[in-house]
Amino acid sequence: PFRWVCLSRADADLHKTDQAAMALIDPNRNAQDRDNHYWIETAEENKLVVGTKARILYADEEGRIRIALKFNDMVRNNEIGPVMLGRDHHDVSGTDSPFRETSNIYDGSNVMADMATHCFAGNVARGMTMVVLSNGGGVGIGRSINGGNGIVLDGTAMLDEVIRSGLSWDVMGGVARRNWARNEHAVQTSIEWNHTHRNEGQITIPYPTDDTFITGLVEQEF
């Protein structure tokens, strides 16, 4: 889940960010975006805020970057005060836990902490405002490694680059990892990402062997 907090604590700023995010979500793209659009559209009337002027939204890499860039532009133009971006540890790249976040990885790497650690280090290198690597979130000490982050949007052009590079790394690392584990949807998403980001990076695509072909060869020889 993608999150943001309006640091001004102003209801007006939260309303403006809701409207801006909603305008950037195409409800006709897929079922998830239809739900996201409805969620933001009705969030204010359902009085979901307790304490900080914050909002949560399930958004993909493309959506997070688009929304974050819009928010930073709004800060730059003095339409709203500073905004803190963040996310849950229960996210695509930030946590290794065979008990929850990586329970659907079946290549044996679900018990390793490489992904969360690499995600943490990459977020540091890409200039996020704050980054943390911790232990036990959601399922208990010793059962997970969690990486978290936050970006304070101050309207500067430098933050635009942090958004593009940092949020892409923070999401696509987890997609790449599941792609390597032969998750069909992750493989397809990685192929599409390589096509649209060919000048920015490359995810190695696995090419699984046809089990029936191997079985046939063995039977033929033996």
Protein backbone atom coordinates (compact mmCIF):
# COMPACT_ATOMS: atom_id res chain seq x y z
CA PRO A 1 0.00 0.00 0.00
CA PHE A 2 1.20 3.48 -1.01
CA ARG A 3 0.74 6.24 1.58
CA TRP A 4 1.04 9.98 1.95
CA VAL A 5 0.74 12.43 4.83
CA CYS A 6 -0.01 16.15 4.45
CA LEU A 7 2.50 17.67 6.86
CA SER A 8 0.59 20.96 7.02
CA ARG A 9 -2.14 19.05 8.93
CA ALA A 10 -4.66 20.98 6.81
CA ASP A 11 -7.90 19.32 5.72
CA ALA A 12 -7.74 21.40 2.55
CA ASP A 13 -4.39 19.86 1.58
CA LEU A 14 -5.68 16.33 2.07
CA HIS A 15 -8.72 17.18 -0.05
CA LYS A 16 -6.50 18.57 -2.81
CA THR A 17 -4.24 15.51 -2.82
CA ASP A 18 -7.29 13.23 -2.93
CA GLN A 19 -8.60 15.09 -5.96
CA ALA A 20 -5.21 15.10 -7.66
CA ALA A 21 -4.70 11.37 -7.10
CA MET A 22 -8.20 10.55 -8.30
CA ALA A 23 -7.65 12.52 -11.51
CA LEU A 24 -4.59 10.40 -12.27
CA ILE A 25 -6.35 7.05 -11.86
CA ASP A 26 -8.12 5.60 -14.89
CA PRO A 27 -11.00 3.48 -13.53
CA ASN A 28 -11.34 1.78 -16.91
CA ARG A 29 -7.76 0.44 -17.00
CA ASN A 30 -8.39 -2.55 -14.74
CA ALA A 31 -10.44 -3.70 -11.75
CA GLN A 32 -7.79 -2.56 -9.26
CA ASP A 33 -7.82 0.99 -10.61
CA ARG A 34 -11.62 1.02 -10.60
CA ASP A 35 -11.52 0.15 -6.89
CA ASN A 36 -8.74 2.69 -6.26
CA HIS A 37 -10.72 5.45 -7.96
CA TYR A 38 -13.82 4.67 -5.89
CA TRP A 39 -11.74 4.46 -2.71
CA ILE A 40 -10.28 7.94 -3.14
CA GLU A 41 -13.56 9.37 -4.35
CA THR A 42 -15.36 8.29 -1.17
CA ALA A 43 -12.52 8.46 1.38
CA GLU A 44 -13.28 11.97 2.63
CA GLU A 45 -17.00 11.42 3.17
CA ASN A 46 -16.27 8.24 5.13
CA LYS A 47 -14.01 10.20 7.54
CA LEU A 48 -11.12 7.76 7.43
CA VAL A 49 -8.57 10.15 8.96
CA VAL A 50 -7.58 9.63 12.59
CA GLY A 51 -4.90 12.07 13.72
CA THR A 52 -2.55 12.88 10.85
CA LYS A 53 -3.93 13.99 7.50
CA ALA A 54 -2.96 10.75 5.77
CA ARG A 55 -4.22 8.56 3.00
CA ILE A 56 -3.49 5.01 1.87
CA LEU A 57 -3.87 3.71 -1.68
CA TYR A 58 -3.05 0.44 -3.42
CA ALA A 59 -1.13 1.68 -6.46
CA ASP A 60 1.37 0.11 -8.85
CA GLU A 61 4.79 1.52 -9.78
CA GLU A 62 3.44 3.67 -12.59
CA GLY A 63 0.61 5.03 -10.45
CA ARG A 64 2.83 5.85 -7.46
CA ILE A 65 5.32 7.74 -9.59
CA ARG A 66 2.63 9.69 -11.43
CA ILE A 67 0.85 10.68 -8.21
CA ALA A 68 4.08 11.55 -6.38
CA LEU A 69 5.30 13.78 -9.22
CA LYS A 70 1.96 15.59 -9.22
CA PHE A 71 2.13 16.15 -5.47
CA ASN A 72 5.68 17.50 -5.72
CA ASP A 73 4.56 19.86 -8.49
CA MET A 74 1.68 21.05 -6.28
CA VAL A 75 4.13 21.75 -3.45
CA ARG A 76 6.40 23.59 -5.89
CA ASN A 77 3.50 25.81 -6.97
CA ASN A 78 2.44 26.49 -3.37
CA GLU A 79 -0.90 24.76 -3.87
CA ILE A 80 -0.28 22.55 -0.81
CA GLY A 81 2.26 22.27 1.98
CA PRO A 82 4.99 19.59 2.17
CA VAL A 83 3.91 15.96 1.79
CA MET A 84 5.54 12.83 3.19
CA LEU A 85 5.34 9.75 0.97
CA GLY A 86 5.63 6.26 2.40
CA ARG A 87 4.25 2.76 2.24
CA ASP A 88 3.37 -0.23 4.38
CA HIS A 89 6.02 -2.88 5.09
CA HIS A 90 3.44 -5.29 3.66
CA ASP A 91 4.47 -4.34 0.13
CA VAL A 92 5.98 -5.90 -2.96
CA SER A 93 9.72 -5.40 -2.25
CA GLY A 94 10.16 -4.21 1.30
CA THR A 95 9.69 -7.42 3.28
CA ASP A 96 11.00 -10.97 3.24
CA SER A 97 8.81 -13.27 5.32
CA PRO A 98 7.92 -16.87 4.42
CA PHE A 99 4.99 -16.49 6.82
CA ARG A 100 3.34 -13.70 4.82
CA GLU A 101 4.90 -11.43 2.20
CA THR A 102 7.02 -14.08 0.45
CA SER A 103 4.77 -17.05 1.19
CA ASN A 104 3.82 -17.26 -2.49
CA ILE A 105 7.42 -17.73 -3.72
CA TYR A 106 8.05 -21.39 -4.48
CA ASP A 107 11.64 -21.56 -5.75
CA GLY A 108 13.14 -21.98 -2.27
CA SER A 109 14.20 -18.33 -1.87
CA ASN A 110 11.18 -17.44 0.27
CA VAL A 111 13.28 -17.90 3.44
CA MET A 112 16.03 -15.47 2.32
CA ALA A 113 16.31 -11.78 3.25
CA ASP A 114 18.08 -10.57 0.10
CA MET A 115 15.14 -8.66 -1.38
CA ALA A 116 14.34 -6.49 1.64
CA THR A 117 18.04 -5.75 2.18
CA HIS A 118 18.66 -4.82 -1.45
CA CYS A 119 15.50 -2.72 -1.45
CA PHE A 120 16.74 -0.87 1.65
CA ALA A 121 20.22 -0.26 0.19
CA GLY A 122 18.84 0.88 -3.16
CA ASN A 123 16.46 3.32 -1.50
CA VAL A 124 19.40 4.82 0.42
CA ALA A 125 21.44 5.17 -2.78
CA ARG A 126 18.54 6.84 -4.56
CA GLY A 127 18.23 9.61 -2.00
CA MET A 128 15.06 8.85 -0.07
CA THR A 129 14.59 11.11 2.95
CA MET A 130 14.52 8.29 5.49
CA VAL A 131 15.09 4.55 5.20
CA VAL A 132 14.93 1.77 7.79
CA LEU A 133 15.75 -1.95 7.90
CA SER A 134 14.03 -3.72 10.77
CA ASN A 135 12.95 -7.12 12.01
CA GLY A 136 9.65 -8.80 12.78
CA GLY A 137 7.02 -6.47 11.33
CA GLY A 138 3.61 -8.08 11.12
CA VAL A 139 4.55 -11.64 12.03
CA GLY A 140 6.97 -11.39 14.96
CA ILE A 141 10.67 -11.06 15.78
CA GLY A 142 12.83 -13.47 13.81
CA ARG A 143 10.10 -14.18 11.28
CA SER A 144 10.67 -11.32 8.82
CA ILE A 145 13.05 -8.63 7.61
CA ASN A 146 11.36 -5.33 6.77
CA GLY A 147 12.59 -2.32 4.82
CA GLY A 148 10.69 0.95 5.05
CA ASN A 149 11.14 4.43 3.61
CA GLY A 150 9.80 7.95 3.40
CA ILE A 151 10.25 10.85 0.98
CA VAL A 152 9.47 14.43 2.03
CA LEU A 153 8.24 16.34 -1.01
CA ASP A 154 9.53 19.91 -0.90
CA GLY A 155 8.84 20.89 -4.50
CA THR A 156 12.45 20.73 -5.71
CA ALA A 157 13.46 19.28 -9.07
CA MET A 158 15.86 16.96 -7.27
CA LEU A 159 12.90 15.27 -5.60
CA ASP A 160 11.39 14.57 -9.02
CA GLU A 161 14.43 12.41 -9.78
CA VAL A 162 14.28 10.72 -6.37
CA ILE A 163 10.63 9.89 -7.07
CA ARG A 164 11.29 8.42 -10.51
CA SER A 165 14.30 6.38 -9.49
CA GLY A 166 13.40 5.54 -5.90
CA LEU A 167 9.77 4.52 -6.31
CA SER A 168 10.59 2.45 -9.38
CA TRP A 169 13.31 0.58 -7.49
CA ASP A 170 11.10 0.19 -4.43
CA VAL A 171 8.34 -1.54 -6.43
CA MET A 172 10.01 -3.30 -9.33
CA GLY A 173 12.60 -5.11 -7.20
CA GLY A 174 9.80 -7.23 -5.80
CA VAL A 175 8.27 -7.79 -9.22
CA ALA A 176 11.68 -8.86 -10.56
CA ARG A 177 12.19 -11.25 -7.65
CA ARG A 178 8.84 -12.95 -8.26
CA ASN A 179 9.60 -13.00 -11.97
CA TRP A 180 12.78 -14.98 -11.23
CA ALA A 181 10.66 -17.35 -9.13
CA ARG A 182 8.58 -18.03 -12.29
CA ASN A 183 5.42 -16.22 -11.21
CA GLU A 184 3.57 -15.89 -14.52
CA HIS A 185 2.07 -12.46 -13.83
CA ALA A 186 5.43 -11.11 -12.61
CA VAL A 187 7.17 -12.47 -15.72
CA GLN A 188 4.66 -10.73 -17.99
CA THR A 189 4.90 -7.48 -16.01
CA SER A 190 8.71 -7.60 -16.21
CA ILE A 191 8.62 -8.14 -19.98
CA GLU A 192 6.30 -5.14 -20.35
CA TRP A 193 8.48 -3.04 -18.03
CA ASN A 194 11.60 -3.85 -20.07
CA HIS A 195 9.79 -2.74 -23.22
CA THR A 196 8.63 0.61 -21.81
CA HIS A 197 11.82 1.34 -19.81
CA ARG A 198 14.47 0.07 -22.23
CA ASN A 199 16.70 3.11 -21.65
CA GLU A 200 16.38 3.00 -17.86
CA GLY A 201 17.00 -0.59 -16.81
CA GLN A 202 16.54 -4.23 -17.60
CA ILE A 203 15.00 -7.10 -15.64
CA THR A 204 16.44 -10.51 -16.53
CA ILE A 205 13.62 -12.72 -17.78
CA PRO A 206 13.59 -16.46 -16.95
CA TYR A 207 12.78 -18.97 -19.66
CA PRO A 208 11.43 -22.09 -17.93
CA THR A 209 11.95 -25.43 -19.58
CA ASP A 210 8.91 -27.37 -20.74
CA ASP A 211 8.66 -30.24 -18.24
CA THR A 212 6.99 -32.51 -20.77
CA PHE A 213 9.87 -31.95 -23.20
CA ILE A 214 12.46 -32.97 -20.59
CA THR A 215 10.38 -35.96 -19.53
CA GLY A 216 10.07 -37.04 -23.15
CA LEU A 217 13.83 -36.87 -23.69
CA VAL A 218 14.49 -38.95 -20.59
CA GLU A 219 11.93 -41.55 -21.60
CA GLN A 220 13.37 -41.65 -25.09
CA GLU A 221 16.87 -42.35 -23.83
CA PHE A 222 16.03 -44.67 -20.97
